[in-house]
């Protein structure tokens, strides 16, 4: 009723377009005039009942949108207005398209998101957030060069944009350009304020560069920022193994497995490490069995189980595990040759997933 009253006074048209939604058209009205009309509608509503309404305004012409798309653009402006709380009015702009693109992205429509972000940049080429969002979409689509171009553009527009620096580092990491990746992760770490992800990715990059001491420092820093991270504990363990800190590696793997009991990589690596150190043979076998139960398609895990069983003279179990590993592409011939033709009596074992 409030909308109809105002529309009649302003020579506009209005009607319900969906439950809870009312659309109004005001021919030949400027955006500024529509903002005044929106205010009049809000005032009329507040006088009748204690309700608030959210209003989005779209102008025609805008970019290459047709007249039929005015209403949809106004709806996008409403979602934009919701960010400002109740009783807000927002005009359709690049930010509206950025928010719309985010909605497409969350729904799994990556190409729809790309289209929205590109149109947003047509309205505001200097919008750092949109460049970053478009870069993320290109990365998800596997278009890493295009993604890098958007992230570098965002960083050129705002040298203090931490996320753009971080995303540049991720793309270079995916491209195996680890020195460039390190450069941008270090920049992101300087720009950020104690962010877990930057320390974690720095650790992974140092690990790829065989700079294990620095990798360990970064993973320990990451764990101080997020003590519950199982991946950080696992990578810390891997770095400790490469650095020769085997006791620290065992402790880190145990921590990772405790944080995530389904972390097959940590369980398998811990079992192999205990076997290597001739410690807790039954526990080593238990961890390795659990890893192949979780990830029966991983040949390395079967190979590790086979070696643990071989070391414990559980020859039949070792043979089965190593044959499974070989079927999955692992070169286990030398280990299989170590198994005698006639096996001693073994304690029956349950090899899950075999």
Protein backbone atom coordinates (compact mmCIF):
# COMPACT_ATOMS: atom_id res chain seq x y z
CA UNK A 1 0.00 0.00 0.00
CA UNK A 2 2.87 2.38 0.80
CA UNK A 3 4.56 1.60 -2.52
CA UNK A 4 1.35 2.02 -4.45
CA UNK A 5 0.66 5.38 -2.84
CA UNK A 6 4.14 6.72 -3.65
CA UNK A 7 4.13 5.23 -7.16
CA UNK A 8 0.83 6.89 -7.95
CA UNK A 9 2.19 10.24 -6.86
CA UNK A 10 5.38 9.76 -8.95
CA UNK A 11 3.73 8.31 -12.06
CA UNK A 12 5.38 4.96 -11.42
CA UNK A 13 4.33 1.34 -11.70
CA UNK A 14 4.54 -1.24 -8.93
CA UNK A 15 3.57 -4.83 -8.25
CA UNK A 16 4.53 -7.96 -6.36
CA UNK A 17 7.28 -9.89 -8.10
CA UNK A 18 7.74 -12.67 -5.47
CA UNK A 19 6.74 -13.31 -1.87
CA UNK A 20 8.23 -10.50 0.15
CA UNK A 21 9.37 -8.57 -2.93
CA UNK A 22 7.77 -5.53 -4.57
CA UNK A 23 9.06 -4.03 -7.81
CA UNK A 24 8.63 -0.39 -8.79
CA UNK A 25 9.41 1.28 -12.13
CA UNK A 26 9.80 5.03 -12.53
CA UNK A 27 10.27 6.01 -16.18
CA UNK A 28 12.72 8.83 -16.93
CA UNK A 29 13.70 9.26 -13.27
CA UNK A 30 17.34 9.78 -12.32
CA UNK A 31 19.12 7.73 -9.68
CA UNK A 32 19.01 10.69 -7.33
CA UNK A 33 15.27 11.04 -7.84
CA UNK A 34 14.81 7.32 -7.17
CA UNK A 35 16.76 7.64 -3.92
CA UNK A 36 14.25 10.32 -2.80
CA UNK A 37 11.36 8.06 -3.83
CA UNK A 38 12.88 5.18 -1.86
CA UNK A 39 13.09 7.44 1.18
CA UNK A 40 9.43 8.37 0.77
CA UNK A 41 8.45 4.68 0.61
CA UNK A 42 10.45 3.89 3.74
CA UNK A 43 8.85 6.79 5.58
CA UNK A 44 5.37 5.70 4.50
CA UNK A 45 6.03 2.15 5.76
CA UNK A 46 7.39 3.33 9.10
CA UNK A 47 4.31 5.49 9.64
CA UNK A 48 1.94 2.55 9.17
CA UNK A 49 3.79 -0.24 10.96
CA UNK A 50 7.03 -0.75 12.81
CA UNK A 51 8.73 -2.49 9.95
CA UNK A 52 11.89 -1.80 7.99
CA UNK A 53 12.40 -2.48 4.31
CA UNK A 54 15.50 -2.89 2.19
CA UNK A 55 15.58 -1.18 -1.20
CA UNK A 56 17.80 -1.63 -4.25
CA UNK A 57 17.88 0.82 -7.14
CA UNK A 58 19.02 0.09 -10.71
CA UNK A 59 19.35 2.71 -13.44
CA UNK A 60 18.81 2.23 -17.16
CA UNK A 61 20.92 2.37 -19.23
CA UNK A 62 23.82 0.71 -17.41
CA UNK A 63 26.63 -1.00 -19.34
CA UNK A 64 25.05 -3.30 -21.94
CA UNK A 65 22.13 -4.43 -19.78
CA UNK A 66 18.77 -4.51 -21.52
CA UNK A 67 15.67 -2.85 -20.14
CA UNK A 68 14.38 -6.29 -19.17
CA UNK A 69 17.34 -6.67 -16.78
CA UNK A 70 16.62 -3.56 -14.68
CA UNK A 71 14.58 -5.51 -12.17
CA UNK A 72 17.21 -8.22 -11.70
CA UNK A 73 19.91 -5.57 -11.18
CA UNK A 74 17.72 -3.90 -8.57
CA UNK A 75 17.46 -7.26 -6.76
CA UNK A 76 21.26 -7.49 -6.79
CA UNK A 77 21.36 -4.03 -5.25
CA UNK A 78 19.02 -5.29 -2.49
CA UNK A 79 21.49 -8.06 -1.57
CA UNK A 80 24.16 -5.37 -1.53
CA UNK A 81 22.02 -3.19 0.75
CA UNK A 82 21.60 -6.06 3.22
CA UNK A 83 25.26 -5.63 4.19
CA UNK A 84 24.38 -2.25 5.69
CA UNK A 85 21.64 -3.57 7.93
CA UNK A 86 17.86 -2.97 8.13
CA UNK A 87 16.21 -0.02 6.41
CA UNK A 88 19.05 0.45 3.89
CA UNK A 89 18.95 1.60 0.29
CA UNK A 90 21.75 0.90 -2.22
CA UNK A 91 22.20 1.72 -5.90
CA UNK A 92 23.41 -0.97 -8.28
CA UNK A 93 27.17 -0.68 -8.82
CA UNK A 94 30.38 -2.71 -9.07
CA UNK A 95 30.10 -3.79 -5.45
CA UNK A 96 26.61 -5.16 -6.15
CA UNK A 97 28.10 -7.22 -8.96
CA UNK A 98 30.95 -8.35 -6.73
CA UNK A 99 28.44 -9.60 -4.16
CA UNK A 100 26.39 -11.25 -6.90
CA UNK A 101 29.55 -12.92 -8.22
CA UNK A 102 30.30 -14.23 -4.74
CA UNK A 103 26.81 -15.76 -4.61
CA UNK A 104 27.37 -17.49 -7.95
CA UNK A 105 30.74 -18.74 -6.68
CA UNK A 106 29.22 -20.14 -3.48
CA UNK A 107 26.60 -21.93 -5.58
CA UNK A 108 29.33 -23.56 -7.67
CA UNK A 109 28.58 -21.52 -10.81
CA UNK A 110 32.15 -20.37 -11.44
CA UNK A 111 31.56 -19.13 -14.97
CA UNK A 112 28.55 -17.11 -13.79
CA UNK A 113 30.80 -15.55 -11.14
CA UNK A 114 33.44 -14.73 -13.77
CA UNK A 115 30.84 -12.94 -15.89
CA UNK A 116 29.66 -10.87 -12.91
CA UNK A 117 33.20 -9.93 -11.87
CA UNK A 118 34.11 -8.89 -15.42
CA UNK A 119 31.05 -6.64 -15.61
CA UNK A 120 31.95 -5.21 -12.22
CA UNK A 121 35.37 -4.27 -13.59
CA UNK A 122 33.68 -2.60 -16.55
CA UNK A 123 32.01 -0.31 -14.00
CA UNK A 124 35.04 0.05 -11.72
CA UNK A 125 38.36 -1.09 -13.25
CA UNK A 126 40.24 -0.13 -10.08
CA UNK A 127 38.28 -2.32 -7.68
CA UNK A 128 40.92 -4.41 -5.90
CA UNK A 129 38.44 -6.85 -4.37
CA UNK A 130 36.90 -7.66 -7.74
CA UNK A 131 40.30 -8.29 -9.36
CA UNK A 132 41.14 -10.63 -6.50
CA UNK A 133 37.78 -12.44 -6.75
CA UNK A 134 38.14 -12.84 -10.51
CA UNK A 135 41.64 -14.23 -9.98
CA UNK A 136 40.30 -16.84 -7.57
CA UNK A 137 37.75 -17.97 -10.18
CA UNK A 138 40.44 -18.31 -12.86
CA UNK A 139 42.55 -20.35 -10.42
CA UNK A 140 39.62 -22.68 -9.68
CA UNK A 141 39.14 -23.14 -13.44
CA UNK A 142 42.84 -24.01 -13.76
CA UNK A 143 43.62 -20.81 -15.69
CA UNK A 144 46.67 -19.96 -13.59
CA UNK A 145 48.20 -17.35 -15.89
CA UNK A 146 44.93 -15.41 -15.98
CA UNK A 147 44.62 -15.76 -12.21
CA UNK A 148 48.13 -14.42 -11.71
CA UNK A 149 47.38 -11.46 -13.97
CA UNK A 150 44.39 -10.48 -11.82
CA UNK A 151 46.28 -10.90 -8.53
CA UNK A 152 49.24 -8.87 -9.82
CA UNK A 153 46.84 -6.15 -11.00
CA UNK A 154 45.22 -6.03 -7.54
CA UNK A 155 48.63 -5.71 -5.94
CA UNK A 156 49.62 -2.96 -8.37
CA UNK A 157 46.46 -1.07 -7.43
CA UNK A 158 47.08 -1.50 -3.71
CA UNK A 159 50.59 -2.46 -2.61
CA UNK A 160 49.25 -3.23 0.89
CA UNK A 161 46.70 -5.80 -0.32
CA UNK A 162 47.75 -8.89 1.65
CA UNK A 163 45.33 -11.33 -0.01
CA UNK A 164 46.57 -10.42 -3.49
CA UNK A 165 50.17 -11.06 -2.40
CA UNK A 166 49.16 -14.35 -0.77
CA UNK A 167 47.26 -15.47 -3.87
CA UNK A 168 50.22 -14.62 -6.10
CA UNK A 169 52.31 -16.84 -3.87
CA UNK A 170 49.80 -19.68 -4.20
CA UNK A 171 49.74 -19.50 -8.00
CA UNK A 172 53.52 -19.49 -8.24
CA UNK A 173 53.58 -22.46 -5.83
CA UNK A 174 51.14 -24.36 -8.04
CA UNK A 175 53.37 -23.55 -11.01
CA UNK A 176 56.36 -24.89 -9.04
CA UNK A 177 58.07 -21.49 -9.21
CA UNK A 178 59.09 -21.76 -5.58
CA UNK A 179 61.50 -18.81 -5.45
CA UNK A 180 58.77 -16.48 -6.77
CA UNK A 181 56.26 -18.12 -4.47
CA UNK A 182 58.56 -17.45 -1.50
CA UNK A 183 58.88 -13.80 -2.50
CA UNK A 184 55.13 -13.21 -2.40
CA UNK A 185 54.46 -15.29 0.71
CA UNK A 186 57.13 -13.26 2.54
CA UNK A 187 55.38 -10.09 1.35
CA UNK A 188 52.01 -11.42 2.54
CA UNK A 189 53.54 -12.26 5.92
CA UNK A 190 54.82 -8.69 6.26
CA UNK A 191 51.46 -7.23 5.21
CA UNK A 192 49.36 -9.57 7.35
CA UNK A 193 48.84 -9.59 11.07
CA UNK A 194 49.70 -13.02 12.40
CA UNK A 195 47.78 -14.95 9.72
CA UNK A 196 48.05 -18.75 9.99
CA UNK A 197 47.90 -19.40 6.23
CA UNK A 198 50.92 -17.25 5.36
CA UNK A 199 53.16 -18.98 7.89
CA UNK A 200 51.88 -22.39 6.77
CA UNK A 201 52.46 -21.72 3.06
CA UNK A 202 55.88 -20.27 3.79
CA UNK A 203 56.74 -23.51 5.53
CA UNK A 204 55.60 -25.57 2.54
CA UNK A 205 57.63 -23.38 0.18
CA UNK A 206 60.78 -23.60 2.29
CA UNK A 207 60.27 -27.36 2.36
CA UNK A 208 60.17 -27.51 -1.45
CA UNK A 209 63.37 -25.46 -1.53
CA UNK A 210 65.02 -27.93 0.90
CA UNK A 211 65.48 -25.15 3.47
CA UNK A 212 64.27 -27.39 6.26
CA UNK A 213 65.36 -25.28 9.22
CA UNK A 214 63.34 -22.30 7.99
CA UNK A 215 60.44 -24.61 7.13
CA UNK A 216 60.41 -25.92 10.71
CA UNK A 217 60.40 -22.37 12.09
CA UNK A 218 57.41 -21.47 9.87
CA UNK A 219 55.38 -24.55 10.76
CA UNK A 220 56.01 -23.94 14.47
CA UNK A 221 54.88 -20.33 13.97
CA UNK A 222 51.78 -21.55 12.13
CA UNK A 223 50.96 -23.91 15.01
CA UNK A 224 51.28 -21.08 17.51
CA UNK A 225 48.66 -19.24 15.46
CA UNK A 226 46.42 -22.29 15.03
CA UNK A 227 47.33 -25.09 17.47
CA UNK A 228 44.53 -27.34 16.13
CA UNK A 229 45.92 -27.65 12.61
CA UNK A 230 46.67 -31.29 11.80
CA UNK A 231 48.24 -30.48 8.39
CA UNK A 232 50.71 -28.07 10.02
CA UNK A 233 51.75 -30.78 12.47
CA UNK A 234 52.18 -33.29 9.63
CA UNK A 235 54.29 -30.92 7.54
CA UNK A 236 56.34 -30.08 10.64
CA UNK A 237 57.01 -33.80 11.02
CA UNK A 238 58.09 -34.10 7.37
CA UNK A 239 60.47 -31.17 7.79
CA UNK A 240 61.92 -32.69 10.95
CA UNK A 241 62.56 -35.99 9.16
CA UNK A 242 64.45 -34.20 6.39
CA UNK A 243 66.40 -32.24 8.99
CA UNK A 244 67.33 -35.39 10.89
CA UNK A 245 65.27 -34.54 13.97
CA UNK A 246 63.63 -37.92 14.17
CA UNK A 247 62.37 -37.73 17.74
CA UNK A 248 60.73 -34.40 17.00
CA UNK A 249 59.25 -35.93 13.84
CA UNK A 250 57.72 -38.83 15.79
CA UNK A 251 56.15 -36.40 18.25
CA UNK A 252 54.79 -34.19 15.45
CA UNK A 253 53.29 -37.16 13.58
CA UNK A 254 51.68 -38.39 16.80
CA UNK A 255 50.20 -34.92 17.33
CA UNK A 256 48.88 -34.79 13.75
CA UNK A 257 47.27 -38.23 14.11
CA UNK A 258 45.73 -37.24 17.42
CA UNK A 259 44.24 -34.08 15.90
CA UNK A 260 42.93 -35.97 12.88
CA UNK A 261 42.57 -39.75 13.40
CA UNK A 262 41.72 -40.11 9.69
CA UNK A 263 44.97 -38.54 8.51
CA UNK A 264 46.25 -41.59 6.62
CA UNK A 265 49.47 -39.87 5.57
CA UNK A 266 50.48 -39.13 9.16
CA UNK A 267 49.53 -42.61 10.35
CA UNK A 268 51.49 -44.31 7.57
CA UNK A 269 54.54 -42.07 7.94
CA UNK A 270 54.54 -42.52 11.71
CA UNK A 271 54.38 -46.30 11.35
CA UNK A 272 57.25 -46.26 8.84
CA UNK A 273 59.33 -43.99 11.07
CA UNK A 274 58.80 -46.19 14.13
CA UNK A 275 59.77 -49.20 12.02
CA UNK A 276 62.89 -47.42 10.81
CA UNK A 277 63.87 -46.68 14.40
CA UNK A 278 62.97 -50.23 15.53
CA UNK A 279 60.52 -48.81 18.07
CA UNK A 280 57.10 -50.09 19.12
CA UNK A 281 56.74 -52.66 16.31
CA UNK A 282 53.13 -53.54 17.14
CA UNK A 283 52.18 -49.86 17.23
CA UNK A 284 54.00 -49.28 13.93
CA UNK A 285 52.03 -52.08 12.30
CA UNK A 286 48.79 -50.80 13.80
CA UNK A 287 49.33 -47.31 12.35
CA UNK A 288 50.21 -48.70 8.92
CA UNK A 289 47.17 -50.99 8.88
CA UNK A 290 44.94 -48.08 9.80
CA UNK A 291 46.38 -45.97 6.98
CA UNK A 292 45.56 -48.57 4.30
CA UNK A 293 42.10 -48.98 5.80
CA UNK A 294 41.51 -45.24 5.32
CA UNK A 295 43.21 -44.98 1.90
CA UNK A 296 43.27 -48.43 0.28
CA UNK A 297 44.14 -46.92 -3.10
CA UNK A 298 47.51 -45.55 -1.92
CA UNK A 299 50.35 -47.83 -2.97
CA UNK A 300 52.94 -46.14 -0.75
CA UNK A 301 50.89 -46.91 2.35
CA UNK A 302 50.70 -50.60 1.39
CA UNK A 303 54.43 -50.63 0.72
CA UNK A 304 55.15 -49.20 4.16
CA UNK A 305 52.86 -51.78 5.76
CA UNK A 306 54.67 -54.54 3.87
CA UNK A 307 58.05 -53.37 5.12
CA UNK A 308 56.84 -53.13 8.70
CA UNK A 309 55.49 -56.69 8.53
CA UNK A 310 58.66 -57.90 6.83
CA UNK A 311 60.75 -56.43 9.62
CA UNK A 312 58.56 -58.30 12.13
CA UNK A 313 58.78 -61.55 10.11
CA UNK A 314 55.05 -61.52 9.43
CA UNK A 315 55.80 -62.85 5.97
CA UNK A 316 52.34 -63.69 4.70
CA UNK A 317 50.97 -60.29 5.66
CA UNK A 318 54.08 -58.65 4.21
CA UNK A 319 53.66 -60.56 0.92
CA UNK A 320 50.00 -59.57 0.60
CA UNK A 321 50.69 -55.91 1.37
CA UNK A 322 53.67 -55.68 -0.99
CA UNK A 323 51.75 -57.38 -3.82
CA UNK A 324 48.93 -54.88 -3.31
CA UNK A 325 51.48 -52.05 -3.42
CA UNK A 326 52.94 -53.47 -6.65
CA UNK A 327 49.47 -53.64 -8.18
CA UNK A 328 49.13 -49.95 -7.35
CA UNK A 329 52.35 -49.06 -9.15
CA UNK A 330 55.00 -49.32 -6.43
CA UNK A 331 58.35 -51.03 -7.16
CA UNK A 332 58.44 -53.65 -4.41
CA UNK A 333 60.45 -56.39 -6.14
CA UNK A 334 63.48 -56.14 -3.84
CA UNK A 335 61.31 -56.33 -0.72
CA UNK A 336 59.33 -59.29 -2.10
CA UNK A 337 62.61 -61.15 -2.74
CA UNK A 338 63.42 -60.89 0.96
CA UNK A 339 60.39 -63.00 1.91
CA UNK A 340 61.38 -66.68 2.38
CA UNK A 341 59.56 -69.37 0.42
CA UNK A 342 58.45 -71.14 3.57
CA UNK A 343 56.94 -68.91 6.21
CA UNK A 344 57.14 -69.51 9.95
CA UNK A 345 53.86 -69.77 11.85
CA UNK A 346 52.37 -66.31 12.10
CA UNK A 347 49.82 -64.77 14.36
CA UNK A 348 46.72 -64.15 12.20
CA UNK A 349 46.35 -60.46 11.28
CA UNK A 350 43.44 -58.50 9.92
CA UNK A 351 44.62 -56.48 6.92
CA UNK A 352 41.76 -54.08 6.37
CA UNK A 353 41.10 -53.27 2.77
CA UNK A 354 43.18 -56.17 1.35
